[in-house]
C-alpha atoms as a PDB file:
ATOM      1  CA  MET A   1      -6.762  -7.847  17.359  1.00  0.00           C
ATOM      2  CA  ASN A   2      -3.641  -9.464  18.097  1.00  0.00           C
ATOM      3  CA  LEU A   3      -0.935  -8.583  15.443  1.00  0.00           C
ATOM      4  CA  GLN A   4       1.999  -9.546  17.688  1.00  0.00           C
ATOM      5  CA  ASP A   5       5.202  -9.245  15.802  1.00  0.00           C
ATOM      6  CA  ARG A   6       3.551  -9.357  12.699  1.00  0.00           C
ATOM      7  CA  VAL A   7       5.713  -7.117  10.175  1.00  0.00           C
ATOM      8  CA  ILE A   8       3.747  -5.266   7.570  1.00  0.00           C
ATOM      9  CA  ILE A   9       4.931  -2.906   5.146  1.00  0.00           C
ATOM     10  CA  ILE A  10       2.517   0.232   4.337  1.00  0.00           C
ATOM     11  CA  THR A  11       2.995   2.554   1.308  1.00  0.00           C
ATOM     12  CA  GLY A  12       1.926   6.178   1.562  1.00  0.00           C
ATOM     13  CA  ALA A  13       2.588   5.527   4.914  1.00  0.00           C
ATOM     14  CA  SER A  14       3.362   9.675   5.436  1.00  0.00           C
ATOM     15  CA  SER A  15      -0.362  10.781   5.842  1.00  0.00           C
ATOM     16  CA  GLY A  16      -3.963  10.302   5.356  1.00  0.00           C
ATOM     17  CA  ILE A  17      -5.199   6.381   5.457  1.00  0.00           C
ATOM     18  CA  GLY A  18      -1.147   4.850   5.750  1.00  0.00           C
ATOM     19  CA  GLU A  19      -0.734   6.986   8.950  1.00  0.00           C
ATOM     20  CA  ALA A  20      -3.643   6.176  10.038  1.00  0.00           C
ATOM     21  CA  THR A  21      -3.259   2.425   9.032  1.00  0.00           C
ATOM     22  CA  ALA A  22       0.287   2.532  10.712  1.00  0.00           C
ATOM     23  CA  LYS A  23      -0.483   3.938  14.221  1.00  0.00           C
ATOM     24  CA  LYS A  24      -3.578   1.406  14.473  1.00  0.00           C
ATOM     25  CA  LEU A  25      -1.275  -1.517  13.368  1.00  0.00           C
ATOM     26  CA  SER A  26       1.387  -0.726  15.838  1.00  0.00           C
ATOM     27  CA  ASN A  27      -1.095   0.017  18.586  1.00  0.00           C
ATOM     28  CA  ASN A  28      -2.271  -3.622  18.377  1.00  0.00           C
ATOM     29  CA  GLY A  29       1.662  -5.272  18.289  1.00  0.00           C
ATOM     30  CA  ALA A  30       2.294  -5.325  14.653  1.00  0.00           C
ATOM     31  CA  LYS A  31       6.080  -4.279  13.238  1.00  0.00           C
ATOM     32  CA  VAL A  32       5.406  -1.650  10.643  1.00  0.00           C
ATOM     33  CA  VAL A  33       7.488  -0.886   7.880  1.00  0.00           C
ATOM     34  CA  LEU A  34       6.775   2.552   6.615  1.00  0.00           C
ATOM     35  CA  MET A  35       7.485   3.292   2.776  1.00  0.00           C
ATOM     36  CA  ALA A  36       6.997   6.643   1.216  1.00  0.00           C
ATOM     37  CA  ARG A  37       8.781   9.366  -0.701  1.00  0.00           C
ATOM     38  CA  SER A  38       8.894  11.976   2.439  1.00  0.00           C
ATOM     39  CA  GLU A  39      11.417  11.097   4.720  1.00  0.00           C
ATOM     40  CA  ASP A  40      11.178  13.569   6.711  1.00  0.00           C
ATOM     41  CA  LYS A  41       7.512  13.011   7.641  1.00  0.00           C
ATOM     42  CA  LEU A  42       8.106   9.069   7.372  1.00  0.00           C
ATOM     43  CA  LYS A  43      10.641   9.680  10.355  1.00  0.00           C
ATOM     44  CA  ASP A  44       8.235  11.728  12.221  1.00  0.00           C
ATOM     45  CA  LEU A  45       5.510   9.050  12.059  1.00  0.00           C
ATOM     46  CA  GLU A  46       8.233   6.502  13.092  1.00  0.00           C
ATOM     47  CA  GLU A  47       9.327   8.484  16.213  1.00  0.00           C
ATOM     48  CA  LYS A  48       5.783   8.921  17.252  1.00  0.00           C
ATOM     49  CA  ILE A  49       5.397   5.139  16.754  1.00  0.00           C
ATOM     50  CA  THR A  50       8.255   4.286  18.778  1.00  0.00           C
ATOM     51  CA  ASP A  51       7.668   6.993  21.607  1.00  0.00           C
ATOM     52  CA  ASN A  52       4.380   4.894  21.814  1.00  0.00           C
ATOM     53  CA  GLY A  53       5.535   1.948  22.486  1.00  0.00           C
ATOM     54  CA  GLY A  54       5.901   0.289  18.771  1.00  0.00           C
ATOM     55  CA  GLU A  55       7.811  -0.639  16.749  1.00  0.00           C
ATOM     56  CA  ALA A  56       8.560   0.867  13.315  1.00  0.00           C
ATOM     57  CA  ILE A  57      10.833   1.847  10.876  1.00  0.00           C
ATOM     58  CA  ALA A  58      10.827   4.182   7.943  1.00  0.00           C
ATOM     59  CA  VAL A  59      12.288   3.300   4.492  1.00  0.00           C
ATOM     60  CA  THR A  60      11.933   6.001   2.047  1.00  0.00           C
ATOM     61  CA  GLY A  61      10.839   4.760  -1.480  1.00  0.00           C
ATOM     62  CA  ASP A  62       9.010   5.042  -4.868  1.00  0.00           C
ATOM     63  CA  VAL A  63       6.334   3.019  -5.179  1.00  0.00           C
ATOM     64  CA  THR A  64       6.698   3.528  -9.403  1.00  0.00           C
ATOM     65  CA  LYS A  65      10.227   1.779  -8.836  1.00  0.00           C
ATOM     66  CA  SER A  66      10.313  -1.617  -8.669  1.00  0.00           C
ATOM     67  CA  GLU A  67      14.163  -1.576  -6.725  1.00  0.00           C
ATOM     68  CA  ASP A  68      12.830   0.875  -4.083  1.00  0.00           C
ATOM     69  CA  PHE A  69      10.396  -1.809  -3.302  1.00  0.00           C
ATOM     70  CA  LYS A  70      13.037  -4.524  -3.379  1.00  0.00           C
ATOM     71  CA  SER A  71      15.408  -2.202  -0.828  1.00  0.00           C
ATOM     72  CA  VAL A  72      12.310  -1.907   1.413  1.00  0.00           C
ATOM     73  CA  ILE A  73      11.721  -5.770   1.599  1.00  0.00           C
ATOM     74  CA  ALA A  74      15.364  -6.159   1.984  1.00  0.00           C
ATOM     75  CA  LYS A  75      15.446  -3.357   5.138  1.00  0.00           C
ATOM     76  CA  ALA A  76      12.312  -5.193   6.409  1.00  0.00           C
ATOM     77  CA  VAL A  77      14.153  -8.508   6.296  1.00  0.00           C
ATOM     78  CA  ASP A  78      17.035  -7.424   7.953  1.00  0.00           C
ATOM     79  CA  THR A  79      15.368  -5.796  10.749  1.00  0.00           C
ATOM     80  CA  TYR A  80      12.662  -7.984  11.751  1.00  0.00           C
ATOM     81  CA  GLY A  81      13.706 -11.201   9.817  1.00  0.00           C
ATOM     82  CA  LYS A  82      10.387 -11.385   7.789  1.00  0.00           C
ATOM     83  CA  VAL A  83       7.784 -10.050   6.497  1.00  0.00           C
ATOM     84  CA  ASP A  84       4.203 -10.992   6.756  1.00  0.00           C
ATOM     85  CA  GLY A  85       2.020  -8.457   5.054  1.00  0.00           C
ATOM     86  CA  LEU A  86       1.912  -5.593   2.513  1.00  0.00           C
ATOM     87  CA  ILE A  87      -0.854  -2.818   2.627  1.00  0.00           C
ATOM     88  CA  ASN A  88      -0.772  -1.151  -1.132  1.00  0.00           C
ATOM     89  CA  ASN A  89      -1.709   2.240   0.281  1.00  0.00           C
ATOM     90  CA  ALA A  90      -0.083   4.278  -2.039  1.00  0.00           C
ATOM     91  CA  GLY A  91      -2.144   6.711  -4.692  1.00  0.00           C
ATOM     92  CA  LEU A  92      -2.840   9.812  -6.601  1.00  0.00           C
ATOM     93  CA  MET A  93      -6.082  11.405  -7.560  1.00  0.00           C
ATOM     94  CA  PRO A  94      -5.947  14.290  -9.742  1.00  0.00           C
ATOM     95  CA  LEU A  95      -9.580  14.830 -11.647  1.00  0.00           C
ATOM     96  CA  SER A  96     -10.007  16.439 -14.210  1.00  0.00           C
ATOM     97  CA  PHE A  97     -12.359  16.420 -17.600  1.00  0.00           C
ATOM     98  CA  VAL A  98     -10.846  13.637 -20.284  1.00  0.00           C
ATOM     99  CA  GLU A  99     -11.441  16.403 -23.072  1.00  0.00           C
ATOM    100  CA  LYS A 100      -8.600  18.748 -21.087  1.00  0.00           C
ATOM    101  CA  LEU A 101      -6.227  16.035 -21.815  1.00  0.00           C
ATOM    102  CA  LYS A 102      -4.207  16.025 -18.919  1.00  0.00           C
ATOM    103  CA  THR A 103      -2.181  12.713 -20.279  1.00  0.00           C
ATOM    104  CA  ASP A 104       0.784  13.836 -17.650  1.00  0.00           C
ATOM    105  CA  GLU A 105      -1.488  13.138 -15.316  1.00  0.00           C
ATOM    106  CA  TRP A 106      -3.138  10.050 -16.392  1.00  0.00           C
ATOM    107  CA  GLU A 107       0.357   8.739 -16.578  1.00  0.00           C
ATOM    108  CA  LYS A 108       0.989   9.543 -13.090  1.00  0.00           C
ATOM    109  CA  MET A 109      -1.994   7.866 -11.579  1.00  0.00           C
ATOM    110  CA  VAL A 110      -1.368   4.842 -13.650  1.00  0.00           C
ATOM    111  CA  ASP A 111       2.219   4.736 -12.372  1.00  0.00           C
ATOM    112  CA  VAL A 112       1.142   5.565  -8.801  1.00  0.00           C
ATOM    113  CA  ASN A 113      -2.461   3.431  -8.399  1.00  0.00           C
ATOM    114  CA  ILE A 114      -1.825   0.564 -10.904  1.00  0.00           C
ATOM    115  CA  LYS A 115       1.923  -0.042 -11.171  1.00  0.00           C
ATOM    116  CA  GLY A 116       3.079   0.751  -7.658  1.00  0.00           C
ATOM    117  CA  VAL A 117       0.681  -1.778  -6.719  1.00  0.00           C
ATOM    118  CA  LEU A 118       2.087  -4.512  -9.195  1.00  0.00           C
ATOM    119  CA  ASN A 119       5.706  -3.207  -7.819  1.00  0.00           C
ATOM    120  CA  GLY A 120       4.821  -3.990  -4.716  1.00  0.00           C
ATOM    121  CA  VAL A 121       3.049  -7.660  -4.974  1.00  0.00           C
ATOM    122  CA  SER A 122       5.450  -8.624  -7.264  1.00  0.00           C
ATOM    123  CA  ALA A 123       8.809  -7.642  -4.871  1.00  0.00           C
ATOM    124  CA  VAL A 124       6.585  -9.393  -1.365  1.00  0.00           C
ATOM    125  CA  LEU A 125       5.126 -12.052  -3.126  1.00  0.00           C
ATOM    126  CA  PRO A 126       8.141 -14.695  -2.807  1.00  0.00           C
ATOM    127  CA  GLU A 127       8.508 -13.487   0.523  1.00  0.00           C
ATOM    128  CA  LEU A 128       4.738 -14.910   1.473  1.00  0.00           C
ATOM    129  CA  ILE A 129       5.474 -17.438  -0.225  1.00  0.00           C
ATOM    130  CA  ASN A 130       8.473 -18.517   1.222  1.00  0.00           C
ATOM    131  CA  ASN A 131       6.322 -18.058   4.489  1.00  0.00           C
ATOM    132  CA  LYS A 132       3.704 -20.208   3.709  1.00  0.00           C
ATOM    133  CA  GLY A 133       1.012 -17.522   3.932  1.00  0.00           C
ATOM    134  CA  GLY A 134       0.718 -13.714   4.451  1.00  0.00           C
ATOM    135  CA  ASP A 135      -1.768 -10.637   3.721  1.00  0.00           C
ATOM    136  CA  ILE A 136      -1.806  -8.142   1.074  1.00  0.00           C
ATOM    137  CA  ILE A 137      -4.017  -5.449   1.224  1.00  0.00           C
ATOM    138  CA  ASN A 138      -4.739  -3.677  -1.706  1.00  0.00           C
ATOM    139  CA  ILE A 139      -6.396   0.081  -1.125  1.00  0.00           C
ATOM    140  CA  SER A 140      -9.034   0.753  -3.902  1.00  0.00           C
ATOM    141  CA  SER A 141     -11.813   2.564  -3.696  1.00  0.00           C
ATOM    142  CA  MET A 142     -15.222   2.969  -4.240  1.00  0.00           C
ATOM    143  CA  ALA A 143     -14.826   4.522  -7.527  1.00  0.00           C
ATOM    144  CA  ALA A 144     -13.939   1.316  -8.607  1.00  0.00           C
ATOM    145  CA  HIS A 145     -17.835   0.623  -8.792  1.00  0.00           C
ATOM    146  CA  ARG A 146     -18.868   4.377 -10.032  1.00  0.00           C
ATOM    147  CA  TYR A 147     -17.842   6.694 -11.907  1.00  0.00           C
ATOM    148  CA  PHE A 148     -17.545  10.537 -10.223  1.00  0.00           C
ATOM    149  CA  PRO A 149     -17.314  13.461 -12.962  1.00  0.00           C
ATOM    150  CA  GLY A 150     -13.701  14.227 -13.469  1.00  0.00           C
ATOM    151  CA  GLY A 151     -12.586  11.223 -12.569  1.00  0.00           C
ATOM    152  CA  ALA A 152     -12.882   8.903 -15.328  1.00  0.00           C
ATOM    153  CA  VAL A 153      -8.695   7.824 -15.345  1.00  0.00           C
ATOM    154  CA  TYR A 154      -8.866   7.873 -11.149  1.00  0.00           C
ATOM    155  CA  CYS A 155     -11.919   5.434 -11.540  1.00  0.00           C
ATOM    156  CA  ALA A 156     -10.122   3.210 -13.972  1.00  0.00           C
ATOM    157  CA  THR A 157      -6.866   2.578 -11.667  1.00  0.00           C
ATOM    158  CA  LYS A 158      -9.320   2.134  -8.928  1.00  0.00           C
ATOM    159  CA  SER A 159     -11.459  -0.948 -10.983  1.00  0.00           C
ATOM    160  CA  ALA A 160      -7.723  -2.329 -12.144  1.00  0.00           C
ATOM    161  CA  VAL A 161      -6.437  -2.292  -8.380  1.00  0.00           C
ATOM    162  CA  LYS A 162      -9.918  -3.989  -7.408  1.00  0.00           C
ATOM    163  CA  MET A 163      -9.678  -6.452 -10.432  1.00  0.00           C
ATOM    164  CA  PHE A 164      -6.152  -7.386 -10.054  1.00  0.00           C
ATOM    165  CA  SER A 165      -7.249  -7.907  -6.426  1.00  0.00           C
ATOM    166  CA  GLU A 166      -9.439 -10.600  -7.456  1.00  0.00           C
ATOM    167  CA  GLY A 167      -7.124 -12.399  -9.749  1.00  0.00           C
ATOM    168  CA  LEU A 168      -4.805 -12.623  -6.772  1.00  0.00           C
ATOM    169  CA  ARG A 169      -6.954 -13.720  -4.118  1.00  0.00           C
ATOM    170  CA  GLN A 170      -8.327 -16.709  -6.679  1.00  0.00           C
ATOM    171  CA  GLU A 171      -4.456 -17.409  -7.508  1.00  0.00           C
ATOM    172  CA  LEU A 172      -3.113 -16.895  -4.135  1.00  0.00           C
ATOM    173  CA  ALA A 173      -5.491 -18.046  -1.472  1.00  0.00           C
ATOM    174  CA  PRO A 174      -6.320 -21.975  -2.235  1.00  0.00           C
ATOM    175  CA  LYS A 175      -2.315 -22.745  -3.303  1.00  0.00           C
ATOM    176  CA  TYR A 176      -0.274 -20.643  -0.635  1.00  0.00           C
ATOM    177  CA  GLY A 177      -2.395 -19.267   2.065  1.00  0.00           C
ATOM    178  CA  ILE A 178      -2.005 -15.603   1.141  1.00  0.00           C
ATOM    179  CA  ASN A 179      -4.993 -13.381   2.045  1.00  0.00           C
ATOM    180  CA  VAL A 180      -5.627 -10.818  -0.666  1.00  0.00           C
ATOM    181  CA  THR A 181      -8.226  -7.865   0.525  1.00  0.00           C
ATOM    182  CA  SER A 182      -9.216  -4.848  -1.470  1.00  0.00           C
ATOM    183  CA  ILE A 183     -10.553  -2.044   0.502  1.00  0.00           C
ATOM    184  CA  GLU A 184     -12.572   0.144  -1.022  1.00  0.00           C
ATOM    185  CA  PRO A 185     -13.943   3.454   0.878  1.00  0.00           C
ATOM    186  CA  GLY A 186     -15.773   6.125  -0.080  1.00  0.00           C
ATOM    187  CA  ALA A 187     -14.523   9.785   0.886  1.00  0.00           C
ATOM    188  CA  VAL A 188     -12.343  10.081   3.710  1.00  0.00           C
ATOM    189  CA  ALA A 189     -10.785  13.244   5.263  1.00  0.00           C
ATOM    190  CA  THR A 190      -7.250  13.019   3.958  1.00  0.00           C
ATOM    191  CA  ASN A 191      -4.972  15.691   1.775  1.00  0.00           C
ATOM    192  CA  LEU A 192      -6.100  13.431  -1.163  1.00  0.00           C
END
């Protein structure tokens, strides 16, 4: 896998799948832009990557805020001159049965799991169109295909990510050469 000098933004990069992805991509030559809310964890990861010979910059940001995404894109372009891809990885999974009416949790999941993906795509798309190509990878879940107890809202958010990815793929790939992938893992040993 040769990713030499590819500039890739990873949301939710401070732990779990995002952290592992950042390490793997940097080991294969990518320049990674680490985005998450936890500045300390991002700085630690940035240091680990650079100490290992990779290139990384940590930019704190909240995926629910479109202005934060614009700042991350601007920092990536200022630092590396371009953006080649985005991995929308940030996500939440508080579980509860619908009858418990934990609507605050529902809203937060929709904000992070759906709106966060929309914010990322809207921020990076002008760069990828300008580059005449690139990659958008959205981390969905096997929950997009199958309900599990207490996961109705989570499953719904991941179904939205899966379907949005399909729409992006059909609209962007033929016209702009932008590859769109929806990754739908099962249970993964992370804090989530």
